[in-house]
């Protein structure tokens, strides 16, 4: 299973919510909330080396395509550099409170999809890196992605920073609400697309994402991936139809969480998704293929819709970041102690501002890393092309 077998001492019926909040507040003595603002690259940091190491387990002819996509923009680079940020986050402050992490909670890994009941939901939608780990790492990756996206959208430093701060503020406020709820009530919380559409700030962006989601179903997949040959439908290529199988590798967080996942990597992804999402694909599964390769599968297109963050105004980005923060808090609370996390975060904006400062600094680091990749492509050290696709 994905979730840790260890039961933290605070998760006991004998410890009241008030006592657990007090335990969270006590952690501030060893991990001050201001410490989460800190970021500086360590000596010997090698982002391209980390990414090149990941290429060892990828299909060789597709590696240049991956590099080409990451070279496209700082935001595209950020999306592909979860392993780099995992190594960086491992050197930042942490409270020691674990959750089922997403492992890659950037704001483009949230979006719309259809629940088994065919309700259009807003939730996390990528779980390749999920594993038990520090809640702060997910929050920091989300906040940093907000600043990176804001800069890509042409927003100023202040607006991008405020949007990142809003993501943390909404995470903190949602965690406080979850701490006051029963475990089951918190578990069943969800965000429907209809609720996002009622938000005046996000109405336009949600309508666009919902329209796209409505067109991405099995019928559309069928028409796009098949052609008529001798009067019968045939797959145009070797892509799967309806179901998507994806090879599962170890989470990029695994080297840094103090314990390895020693089970099936496909099972890790599927079980993590079922914990983190309010409602998951009923066809999720995992299997072992040829040569012992481990896979998970899911529906290929299930009314999935994404928000175009690079087209958002400053108010839209801030509201969308807050929606992602709320969603992330709900996901984390399903596997950990909301009262203790809430106790640590507190009711003021200290942590919100600290992580926003971290996000600003890390977005600048991300731009330097992206520039390093572009130079590696120009020099010929790295091949970035789409010829092999």
Foldseek 3Di string as FASTA:
>chain_A
DFFDPDDDPCPDPVHDLVNLLVLLQVLCVVVPLLQLLDADDDPPQDQVVQVVVVCVPPDVLCQLALLQQLLPALLSVLQSRLLSLLVRCLPGDASPFKFFALSQQALQQWFWFAFPVRFIFIAGHHRLQTHIATLVSNLLNHLLNQLLLCVLLVHDLVLSLLLSLLLQLLLLVLLVVVSPDDLVVLLLDGGTLVVQCPPPQCVVQSVVQLVQLVCFALVNQQVVQWDADPNDIDGPDPADHFKHKDFHDHRSNQVRRPHHDPDARLVNRVVSCVLQHSGDAPPWDKDADPPRTIIIMGGPRGSTGGGPSSNHDSSSSSVSSSVSSSSSSSSRSSGGNSSSNSSNVDDDSSNSSSSSSNSSVVSVVSVVVSVVSVVCCVVVVRNHDDVSD
